[in-house]
């Protein structure tokens, strides 16, 4: 039923661990068009064609090429976050606009929290977000400790800006975390929290609640990294996309190196209908 849906849903990556680097590779997700003859819906799919280096490159560049295979120029960086066509998409982090934003808007979705919906009909292959990591991984070790150390070691002004942005990533409060899961998560991240408490920048955390408040905020930040980061880094706007099993997804994401910077692009993989007002 994705064909008639207005929600923009990425492949479900929530179960992936950071160390698996499950992130940036082009792929088409979701059900194929209903072109099979009646009675063949349960047939096994044909064997996949072995990928070659050339075909993999063509597939990776497909969203940026026309029907003749000629390159299509990706739009330049946004010039204003308050643009009338993008304000609804940038309402959570208007001070940190992505390079490109497509016809999407943030809405509260029952049972899913906030998420992107189509602001108008979207065609397959259309770029929805082109964004660079808000916090790239500082090393090959893709763990919350190294990423959060890089944030806490910034200058006081840069650190405040970064922490303010991270405060709007899920989970925004620890009380939203399942009471059943929290003891396990506290144990898993205990060593990381202990190490982060030694950073001078950690003194700014906790809202005046002392070590207990700082520990709680550092645990939340660890979960922010765990639940929102990809192999190319921690993103802001891309975190708003709702995740879905592959057969229901209607968008995907992939890496694109632009001017030496590793960025990430989300594109539609099928038609997405405009959301009702």
C-alpha atoms as a PDB file:
ATOM      1  CA  UNK A   1       0.000   0.000   0.000  1.00  0.00           C
ATOM      2  CA  UNK A   2       3.024   2.264  -0.238  1.00  0.00           C
ATOM      3  CA  UNK A   3       2.027   3.463  -3.686  1.00  0.00           C
ATOM      4  CA  UNK A   4      -0.729   5.624  -2.262  1.00  0.00           C
ATOM      5  CA  UNK A   5       1.081   6.618   0.917  1.00  0.00           C
ATOM      6  CA  UNK A   6       2.276  10.130   1.650  1.00  0.00           C
ATOM      7  CA  UNK A   7       4.860   9.055   4.236  1.00  0.00           C
ATOM      8  CA  UNK A   8       8.521   8.897   3.287  1.00  0.00           C
ATOM      9  CA  UNK A   9       9.970   5.690   4.718  1.00  0.00           C
ATOM     10  CA  UNK A  10      13.553   4.469   4.603  1.00  0.00           C
ATOM     11  CA  UNK A  11      14.730   0.886   4.735  1.00  0.00           C
ATOM     12  CA  UNK A  12      14.619  -0.287   8.331  1.00  0.00           C
ATOM     13  CA  UNK A  13      18.132   0.216   9.725  1.00  0.00           C
ATOM     14  CA  UNK A  14      17.205   0.506  13.388  1.00  0.00           C
ATOM     15  CA  UNK A  15      18.423  -3.014  14.194  1.00  0.00           C
ATOM     16  CA  UNK A  16      21.828  -2.441  12.613  1.00  0.00           C
ATOM     17  CA  UNK A  17      24.808  -1.915  14.856  1.00  0.00           C
ATOM     18  CA  UNK A  18      27.247   0.877  14.091  1.00  0.00           C
ATOM     19  CA  UNK A  19      30.152  -1.529  13.710  1.00  0.00           C
ATOM     20  CA  UNK A  20      28.401  -3.243  10.815  1.00  0.00           C
ATOM     21  CA  UNK A  21      28.663  -0.076   8.698  1.00  0.00           C
ATOM     22  CA  UNK A  22      25.223  -0.725   7.206  1.00  0.00           C
ATOM     23  CA  UNK A  23      24.756   2.585   5.504  1.00  0.00           C
ATOM     24  CA  UNK A  24      25.661   3.938   2.179  1.00  0.00           C
ATOM     25  CA  UNK A  25      24.908   1.787  -0.813  1.00  0.00           C
ATOM     26  CA  UNK A  26      22.292   2.407  -3.475  1.00  0.00           C
ATOM     27  CA  UNK A  27      19.500  -0.124  -3.565  1.00  0.00           C
ATOM     28  CA  UNK A  28      15.876  -0.212  -4.627  1.00  0.00           C
ATOM     29  CA  UNK A  29      13.548  -1.191  -1.810  1.00  0.00           C
ATOM     30  CA  UNK A  30       9.891  -2.142  -1.674  1.00  0.00           C
ATOM     31  CA  UNK A  31       7.449  -4.199  -3.663  1.00  0.00           C
ATOM     32  CA  UNK A  32       7.842  -4.411  -7.446  1.00  0.00           C
ATOM     33  CA  UNK A  33       5.079  -2.884  -9.607  1.00  0.00           C
ATOM     34  CA  UNK A  34       1.981  -5.136  -9.827  1.00  0.00           C
ATOM     35  CA  UNK A  35       2.721  -6.413 -13.337  1.00  0.00           C
ATOM     36  CA  UNK A  36       2.826 -10.151 -12.611  1.00  0.00           C
ATOM     37  CA  UNK A  37       0.035 -12.250 -14.112  1.00  0.00           C
ATOM     38  CA  UNK A  38      -2.755 -13.269 -11.750  1.00  0.00           C
ATOM     39  CA  UNK A  39      -1.808 -16.310  -9.694  1.00  0.00           C
ATOM     40  CA  UNK A  40       1.955 -15.786  -9.856  1.00  0.00           C
ATOM     41  CA  UNK A  41       2.304 -13.495  -6.843  1.00  0.00           C
ATOM     42  CA  UNK A  42       3.738 -16.318  -4.754  1.00  0.00           C
ATOM     43  CA  UNK A  43       6.370 -17.368  -7.275  1.00  0.00           C
ATOM     44  CA  UNK A  44      10.000 -17.145  -6.254  1.00  0.00           C
ATOM     45  CA  UNK A  45      11.888 -14.218  -7.821  1.00  0.00           C
ATOM     46  CA  UNK A  46      14.315 -14.845 -10.634  1.00  0.00           C
ATOM     47  CA  UNK A  47      17.963 -15.292  -9.612  1.00  0.00           C
ATOM     48  CA  UNK A  48      19.821 -12.017  -9.218  1.00  0.00           C
ATOM     49  CA  UNK A  49      22.170 -10.997 -11.991  1.00  0.00           C
ATOM     50  CA  UNK A  50      25.753 -10.957 -10.657  1.00  0.00           C
ATOM     51  CA  UNK A  51      26.908  -7.378 -10.141  1.00  0.00           C
ATOM     52  CA  UNK A  52      29.969  -6.083 -11.927  1.00  0.00           C
ATOM     53  CA  UNK A  53      32.034  -3.021 -11.110  1.00  0.00           C
ATOM     54  CA  UNK A  54      30.611  -1.213 -14.146  1.00  0.00           C
ATOM     55  CA  UNK A  55      26.991  -2.064 -13.340  1.00  0.00           C
ATOM     56  CA  UNK A  56      27.460  -1.137  -9.689  1.00  0.00           C
ATOM     57  CA  UNK A  57      28.792   2.260 -10.725  1.00  0.00           C
ATOM     58  CA  UNK A  58      25.901   2.787 -13.140  1.00  0.00           C
ATOM     59  CA  UNK A  59      23.397   1.874 -10.440  1.00  0.00           C
ATOM     60  CA  UNK A  60      25.053   4.182  -7.924  1.00  0.00           C
ATOM     61  CA  UNK A  61      24.948   7.136 -10.311  1.00  0.00           C
ATOM     62  CA  UNK A  62      21.488   6.400 -11.694  1.00  0.00           C
ATOM     63  CA  UNK A  63      19.697   9.112  -9.675  1.00  0.00           C
ATOM     64  CA  UNK A  64      22.096  11.687 -11.123  1.00  0.00           C
ATOM     65  CA  UNK A  65      21.766  10.709 -14.795  1.00  0.00           C
ATOM     66  CA  UNK A  66      19.053  11.197 -17.371  1.00  0.00           C
ATOM     67  CA  UNK A  67      17.593   8.529 -19.676  1.00  0.00           C
ATOM     68  CA  UNK A  68      20.651   8.786 -21.940  1.00  0.00           C
ATOM     69  CA  UNK A  69      23.073   8.277 -19.066  1.00  0.00           C
ATOM     70  CA  UNK A  70      24.255  11.904 -19.141  1.00  0.00           C
ATOM     71  CA  UNK A  71      25.042  13.514 -15.796  1.00  0.00           C
ATOM     72  CA  UNK A  72      22.348  15.573 -14.109  1.00  0.00           C
ATOM     73  CA  UNK A  73      23.661  18.392 -11.934  1.00  0.00           C
ATOM     74  CA  UNK A  74      22.494  18.139  -8.327  1.00  0.00           C
ATOM     75  CA  UNK A  75      21.091  21.496  -7.097  1.00  0.00           C
ATOM     76  CA  UNK A  76      23.455  23.737  -5.120  1.00  0.00           C
ATOM     77  CA  UNK A  77      23.281  24.373  -1.388  1.00  0.00           C
ATOM     78  CA  UNK A  78      20.165  26.103  -0.075  1.00  0.00           C
ATOM     79  CA  UNK A  79      20.570  29.853   0.243  1.00  0.00           C
ATOM     80  CA  UNK A  80      17.922  30.416   2.920  1.00  0.00           C
ATOM     81  CA  UNK A  81      16.347  28.145   5.494  1.00  0.00           C
ATOM     82  CA  UNK A  82      13.207  30.323   5.508  1.00  0.00           C
ATOM     83  CA  UNK A  83      12.388  29.611   1.864  1.00  0.00           C
ATOM     84  CA  UNK A  84       8.613  29.209   1.550  1.00  0.00           C
ATOM     85  CA  UNK A  85       9.051  25.837  -0.186  1.00  0.00           C
ATOM     86  CA  UNK A  86      11.358  24.339   2.436  1.00  0.00           C
ATOM     87  CA  UNK A  87      10.345  25.856   5.777  1.00  0.00           C
ATOM     88  CA  UNK A  88       8.128  22.892   6.709  1.00  0.00           C
ATOM     89  CA  UNK A  89      10.986  20.465   6.037  1.00  0.00           C
ATOM     90  CA  UNK A  90      13.543  22.464   8.018  1.00  0.00           C
ATOM     91  CA  UNK A  91      11.419  23.378  11.045  1.00  0.00           C
ATOM     92  CA  UNK A  92      13.391  21.202  13.498  1.00  0.00           C
ATOM     93  CA  UNK A  93      16.861  22.521  12.609  1.00  0.00           C
ATOM     94  CA  UNK A  94      16.321  25.718  10.549  1.00  0.00           C
ATOM     95  CA  UNK A  95      19.783  26.934  11.562  1.00  0.00           C
ATOM     96  CA  UNK A  96      21.420  23.854  10.011  1.00  0.00           C
ATOM     97  CA  UNK A  97      19.943  23.502   6.493  1.00  0.00           C
ATOM     98  CA  UNK A  98      21.013  20.557   4.319  1.00  0.00           C
ATOM     99  CA  UNK A  99      22.587  21.117   0.918  1.00  0.00           C
ATOM    100  CA  UNK A 100      19.343  20.249  -0.839  1.00  0.00           C
ATOM    101  CA  UNK A 101      15.834  19.529   0.388  1.00  0.00           C
ATOM    102  CA  UNK A 102      13.065  18.159  -1.790  1.00  0.00           C
ATOM    103  CA  UNK A 103       9.263  18.519  -1.586  1.00  0.00           C
ATOM    104  CA  UNK A 104       8.859  17.092   1.926  1.00  0.00           C
ATOM    105  CA  UNK A 105       7.460  18.390   5.214  1.00  0.00           C
ATOM    106  CA  UNK A 106       7.656  17.355   8.879  1.00  0.00           C
ATOM    107  CA  UNK A 107       4.438  16.035  10.385  1.00  0.00           C
ATOM    108  CA  UNK A 108       3.451  14.241  13.593  1.00  0.00           C
ATOM    109  CA  UNK A 109       2.498  10.705  12.548  1.00  0.00           C
ATOM    110  CA  UNK A 110       0.281   8.680  14.913  1.00  0.00           C
ATOM    111  CA  UNK A 111       2.244   5.828  16.447  1.00  0.00           C
ATOM    112  CA  UNK A 112       5.526   6.950  14.879  1.00  0.00           C
ATOM    113  CA  UNK A 113       6.205  10.452  16.207  1.00  0.00           C
ATOM    114  CA  UNK A 114       7.535  13.018  13.790  1.00  0.00           C
ATOM    115  CA  UNK A 115       8.341  12.044  10.237  1.00  0.00           C
ATOM    116  CA  UNK A 116       8.559  13.362   6.704  1.00  0.00           C
ATOM    117  CA  UNK A 117       5.592  13.325   4.341  1.00  0.00           C
ATOM    118  CA  UNK A 118       5.351  14.369   0.701  1.00  0.00           C
ATOM    119  CA  UNK A 119       4.508  18.069   0.287  1.00  0.00           C
ATOM    120  CA  UNK A 120       3.500  17.249  -3.298  1.00  0.00           C
ATOM    121  CA  UNK A 121       3.589  14.179  -5.519  1.00  0.00           C
ATOM    122  CA  UNK A 122       7.128  12.793  -5.677  1.00  0.00           C
ATOM    123  CA  UNK A 123       8.514  10.788  -8.587  1.00  0.00           C
ATOM    124  CA  UNK A 124      10.910   7.812  -8.296  1.00  0.00           C
ATOM    125  CA  UNK A 125      14.537   8.935  -8.238  1.00  0.00           C
ATOM    126  CA  UNK A 126      13.789  12.434  -6.926  1.00  0.00           C
ATOM    127  CA  UNK A 127      16.301  13.727  -4.370  1.00  0.00           C
ATOM    128  CA  UNK A 128      14.605  14.363  -1.020  1.00  0.00           C
ATOM    129  CA  UNK A 129      17.583  15.340   1.136  1.00  0.00           C
ATOM    130  CA  UNK A 130      21.238  15.888   0.341  1.00  0.00           C
ATOM    131  CA  UNK A 131      23.089  16.417   3.596  1.00  0.00           C
ATOM    132  CA  UNK A 132      26.532  16.153   5.068  1.00  0.00           C
ATOM    133  CA  UNK A 133      27.048  14.672   8.540  1.00  0.00           C
ATOM    134  CA  UNK A 134      26.473  17.142  11.349  1.00  0.00           C
ATOM    135  CA  UNK A 135      29.158  15.246  13.268  1.00  0.00           C
ATOM    136  CA  UNK A 136      31.381  13.008  11.124  1.00  0.00           C
ATOM    137  CA  UNK A 137      33.164  10.073  12.696  1.00  0.00           C
ATOM    138  CA  UNK A 138      36.523  11.392  13.971  1.00  0.00           C
ATOM    139  CA  UNK A 139      38.214   8.028  13.419  1.00  0.00           C
ATOM    140  CA  UNK A 140      37.696   4.575  11.967  1.00  0.00           C
ATOM    141  CA  UNK A 141      36.288   3.507  15.335  1.00  0.00           C
ATOM    142  CA  UNK A 142      32.561   4.037  14.872  1.00  0.00           C
ATOM    143  CA  UNK A 143      31.509   4.133  18.503  1.00  0.00           C
ATOM    144  CA  UNK A 144      29.602   6.793  20.490  1.00  0.00           C
ATOM    145  CA  UNK A 145      32.656   7.483  22.669  1.00  0.00           C
ATOM    146  CA  UNK A 146      34.859   8.902  19.906  1.00  0.00           C
ATOM    147  CA  UNK A 147      32.042  10.887  18.316  1.00  0.00           C
ATOM    148  CA  UNK A 148      30.888  12.464  21.573  1.00  0.00           C
ATOM    149  CA  UNK A 149      34.463  13.202  22.644  1.00  0.00           C
ATOM    150  CA  UNK A 150      34.879  15.156  19.417  1.00  0.00           C
ATOM    151  CA  UNK A 151      31.798  17.225  20.342  1.00  0.00           C
ATOM    152  CA  UNK A 152      32.788  17.820  23.978  1.00  0.00           C
ATOM    153  CA  UNK A 153      36.304  18.905  22.959  1.00  0.00           C
ATOM    154  CA  UNK A 154      35.067  21.717  20.730  1.00  0.00           C
ATOM    155  CA  UNK A 155      35.308  25.347  21.782  1.00  0.00           C
ATOM    156  CA  UNK A 156      32.647  26.484  24.259  1.00  0.00           C
ATOM    157  CA  UNK A 157      30.586  28.243  21.572  1.00  0.00           C
ATOM    158  CA  UNK A 158      30.819  25.380  19.053  1.00  0.00           C
ATOM    159  CA  UNK A 159      30.034  22.856  21.785  1.00  0.00           C
ATOM    160  CA  UNK A 160      26.877  24.714  22.844  1.00  0.00           C
ATOM    161  CA  UNK A 161      25.675  24.904  19.236  1.00  0.00           C
ATOM    162  CA  UNK A 162      26.305  21.189  18.685  1.00  0.00           C
ATOM    163  CA  UNK A 163      24.682  20.084  21.943  1.00  0.00           C
ATOM    164  CA  UNK A 164      21.635  22.262  21.239  1.00  0.00           C
ATOM    165  CA  UNK A 165      21.199  20.507  17.885  1.00  0.00           C
ATOM    166  CA  UNK A 166      21.713  17.048  19.402  1.00  0.00           C
ATOM    167  CA  UNK A 167      19.050  17.819  22.021  1.00  0.00           C
ATOM    168  CA  UNK A 168      16.450  17.599  19.228  1.00  0.00           C
ATOM    169  CA  UNK A 169      17.470  14.104  18.136  1.00  0.00           C
ATOM    170  CA  UNK A 170      15.661  10.984  19.351  1.00  0.00           C
ATOM    171  CA  UNK A 171      15.533  10.187  22.206  1.00  0.00           C
ATOM    172  CA  UNK A 172      14.975  13.761  23.373  1.00  0.00           C
ATOM    173  CA  UNK A 173      14.270  12.494  26.894  1.00  0.00           C
ATOM    174  CA  UNK A 174      15.334   9.336  28.678  1.00  0.00           C
ATOM    175  CA  UNK A 175      11.804   8.830  29.962  1.00  0.00           C
ATOM    176  CA  UNK A 176      10.799   8.022  26.389  1.00  0.00           C
ATOM    177  CA  UNK A 177      13.079   4.965  26.564  1.00  0.00           C
ATOM    178  CA  UNK A 178      11.349   1.745  27.572  1.00  0.00           C
ATOM    179  CA  UNK A 179      11.648   1.047  31.285  1.00  0.00           C
ATOM    180  CA  UNK A 180      12.310  -2.577  30.357  1.00  0.00           C
ATOM    181  CA  UNK A 181      15.288  -1.648  28.129  1.00  0.00           C
ATOM    182  CA  UNK A 182      16.832   1.136  30.168  1.00  0.00           C
ATOM    183  CA  UNK A 183      18.776  -0.995  32.730  1.00  0.00           C
ATOM    184  CA  UNK A 184      20.363  -2.968  29.889  1.00  0.00           C
ATOM    185  CA  UNK A 185      21.234   0.212  27.976  1.00  0.00           C
ATOM    186  CA  UNK A 186      22.712   1.812  31.095  1.00  0.00           C
ATOM    187  CA  UNK A 187      24.941  -1.235  31.598  1.00  0.00           C
ATOM    188  CA  UNK A 188      25.996  -1.348  27.948  1.00  0.00           C
ATOM    189  CA  UNK A 189      27.024   2.325  27.932  1.00  0.00           C
ATOM    190  CA  UNK A 190      28.346   2.598  31.484  1.00  0.00           C
ATOM    191  CA  UNK A 191      32.027   2.589  30.468  1.00  0.00           C
ATOM    192  CA  UNK A 192      31.394   5.158  27.738  1.00  0.00           C
ATOM    193  CA  UNK A 193      29.545   7.460  30.145  1.00  0.00           C
ATOM    194  CA  UNK A 194      32.344   7.100  32.724  1.00  0.00           C
ATOM    195  CA  UNK A 195      34.939   8.107  30.123  1.00  0.00           C
ATOM    196  CA  UNK A 196      32.884  11.058  28.870  1.00  0.00           C
ATOM    197  CA  UNK A 197      32.441  12.378  32.416  1.00  0.00           C
ATOM    198  CA  UNK A 198      36.198  13.005  32.455  1.00  0.00           C
ATOM    199  CA  UNK A 199      35.913  15.435  29.532  1.00  0.00           C
ATOM    200  CA  UNK A 200      35.993  19.108  30.629  1.00  0.00           C
ATOM    201  CA  UNK A 201      33.112  19.841  28.262  1.00  0.00           C
ATOM    202  CA  UNK A 202      30.866  17.454  30.193  1.00  0.00           C
ATOM    203  CA  UNK A 203      30.615  20.025  32.971  1.00  0.00           C
ATOM    204  CA  UNK A 204      28.102  21.934  30.825  1.00  0.00           C
ATOM    205  CA  UNK A 205      25.652  19.019  30.836  1.00  0.00           C
ATOM    206  CA  UNK A 206      22.931  17.972  33.244  1.00  0.00           C
ATOM    207  CA  UNK A 207      21.071  21.239  33.729  1.00  0.00           C
ATOM    208  CA  UNK A 208      22.564  21.845  37.178  1.00  0.00           C
ATOM    209  CA  UNK A 209      21.602  18.391  38.459  1.00  0.00           C
ATOM    210  CA  UNK A 210      25.177  17.351  39.269  1.00  0.00           C
ATOM    211  CA  UNK A 211      26.785  14.049  38.296  1.00  0.00           C
ATOM    212  CA  UNK A 212      23.433  12.253  38.158  1.00  0.00           C
ATOM    213  CA  UNK A 213      22.095  14.740  35.638  1.00  0.00           C
ATOM    214  CA  UNK A 214      25.305  14.622  33.598  1.00  0.00           C
ATOM    215  CA  UNK A 215      25.247  10.818  33.534  1.00  0.00           C
ATOM    216  CA  UNK A 216      21.651  10.832  32.357  1.00  0.00           C
ATOM    217  CA  UNK A 217      22.378  13.308  29.562  1.00  0.00           C
ATOM    218  CA  UNK A 218      25.492  11.419  28.475  1.00  0.00           C
ATOM    219  CA  UNK A 219      23.506   8.192  28.322  1.00  0.00           C
ATOM    220  CA  UNK A 220      20.903   9.966  26.175  1.00  0.00           C
ATOM    221  CA  UNK A 221      23.664  11.204  23.858  1.00  0.00           C
ATOM    222  CA  UNK A 222      25.056   7.671  23.578  1.00  0.00           C
ATOM    223  CA  UNK A 223      21.601   6.499  22.499  1.00  0.00           C
ATOM    224  CA  UNK A 224      21.361   9.407  20.048  1.00  0.00           C
ATOM    225  CA  UNK A 225      24.527   8.112  18.371  1.00  0.00           C
ATOM    226  CA  UNK A 226      23.440   4.494  18.517  1.00  0.00           C
ATOM    227  CA  UNK A 227      19.980   5.107  17.066  1.00  0.00           C
ATOM    228  CA  UNK A 228      20.706   7.871  14.535  1.00  0.00           C
ATOM    229  CA  UNK A 229      24.274   7.483  13.246  1.00  0.00           C
ATOM    230  CA  UNK A 230      25.216   5.857   9.963  1.00  0.00           C
ATOM    231  CA  UNK A 231      28.609   4.722   8.699  1.00  0.00           C
ATOM    232  CA  UNK A 232      29.262   8.197   7.291  1.00  0.00           C
ATOM    233  CA  UNK A 233      28.410  10.033  10.524  1.00  0.00           C
ATOM    234  CA  UNK A 234      25.598  11.532  12.570  1.00  0.00           C
ATOM    235  CA  UNK A 235      22.966  13.420  10.582  1.00  0.00           C
ATOM    236  CA  UNK A 236      20.211  15.776  11.681  1.00  0.00           C
ATOM    237  CA  UNK A 237      17.486  15.993   9.049  1.00  0.00           C
ATOM    238  CA  UNK A 238      17.913  12.418   7.835  1.00  0.00           C
ATOM    239  CA  UNK A 239      17.069  11.196  11.341  1.00  0.00           C
ATOM    240  CA  UNK A 240      13.454  12.316  10.816  1.00  0.00           C
ATOM    241  CA  UNK A 241      12.762   9.781   8.079  1.00  0.00           C
ATOM    242  CA  UNK A 242      10.588   6.976   9.444  1.00  0.00           C
ATOM    243  CA  UNK A 243      12.068   3.513   8.982  1.00  0.00           C
ATOM    244  CA  UNK A 244      10.178   0.590   7.515  1.00  0.00           C
ATOM    245  CA  UNK A 245      10.768  -3.018   6.453  1.00  0.00           C
ATOM    246  CA  UNK A 246      12.218  -3.205   2.964  1.00  0.00           C
ATOM    247  CA  UNK A 247       8.935  -4.262   1.348  1.00  0.00           C
ATOM    248  CA  UNK A 248       7.247  -1.065   2.589  1.00  0.00           C
ATOM    249  CA  UNK A 249      10.077   1.428   2.115  1.00  0.00           C
ATOM    250  CA  UNK A 250       9.783   4.056  -0.591  1.00  0.00           C
ATOM    251  CA  UNK A 251      13.164   5.788  -0.250  1.00  0.00           C
ATOM    252  CA  UNK A 252      16.803   4.915   0.239  1.00  0.00           C
ATOM    253  CA  UNK A 253      20.048   6.673   1.111  1.00  0.00           C
ATOM    254  CA  UNK A 254      23.557   6.502  -0.254  1.00  0.00           C
ATOM    255  CA  UNK A 255      26.928   8.185   0.071  1.00  0.00           C
ATOM    256  CA  UNK A 256      28.071  10.841  -2.367  1.00  0.00           C
ATOM    257  CA  UNK A 257      31.502  12.426  -2.113  1.00  0.00           C
ATOM    258  CA  UNK A 258      31.233  16.128  -2.918  1.00  0.00           C
ATOM    259  CA  UNK A 259      34.382  18.233  -2.962  1.00  0.00           C
ATOM    260  CA  UNK A 260      36.222  15.829  -0.674  1.00  0.00           C
ATOM    261  CA  UNK A 261      33.343  15.708   1.825  1.00  0.00           C
ATOM    262  CA  UNK A 262      31.382  12.512   2.334  1.00  0.00           C
ATOM    263  CA  UNK A 263      27.717  13.448   2.080  1.00  0.00           C
ATOM    264  CA  UNK A 264      24.537  11.384   2.034  1.00  0.00           C
ATOM    265  CA  UNK A 265      21.603  11.574  -0.359  1.00  0.00           C
ATOM    266  CA  UNK A 266      18.087  10.261   0.198  1.00  0.00           C
ATOM    267  CA  UNK A 267      15.996   9.673  -2.920  1.00  0.00           C
ATOM    268  CA  UNK A 268      12.545   8.287  -3.622  1.00  0.00           C
ATOM    269  CA  UNK A 269      12.464   4.763  -5.023  1.00  0.00           C
ATOM    270  CA  UNK A 270       8.804   4.841  -6.043  1.00  0.00           C
ATOM    271  CA  UNK A 271       5.908   7.249  -6.430  1.00  0.00           C
ATOM    272  CA  UNK A 272       4.911   8.974  -3.168  1.00  0.00           C
ATOM    273  CA  UNK A 273       1.555  10.732  -3.138  1.00  0.00           C
ATOM    274  CA  UNK A 274       1.099  14.204  -1.698  1.00  0.00           C
ATOM    275  CA  UNK A 275       0.007  14.229   1.924  1.00  0.00           C
ATOM    276  CA  UNK A 276      -3.430  15.668   2.688  1.00  0.00           C
ATOM    277  CA  UNK A 277      -3.464  19.140   4.292  1.00  0.00           C
END
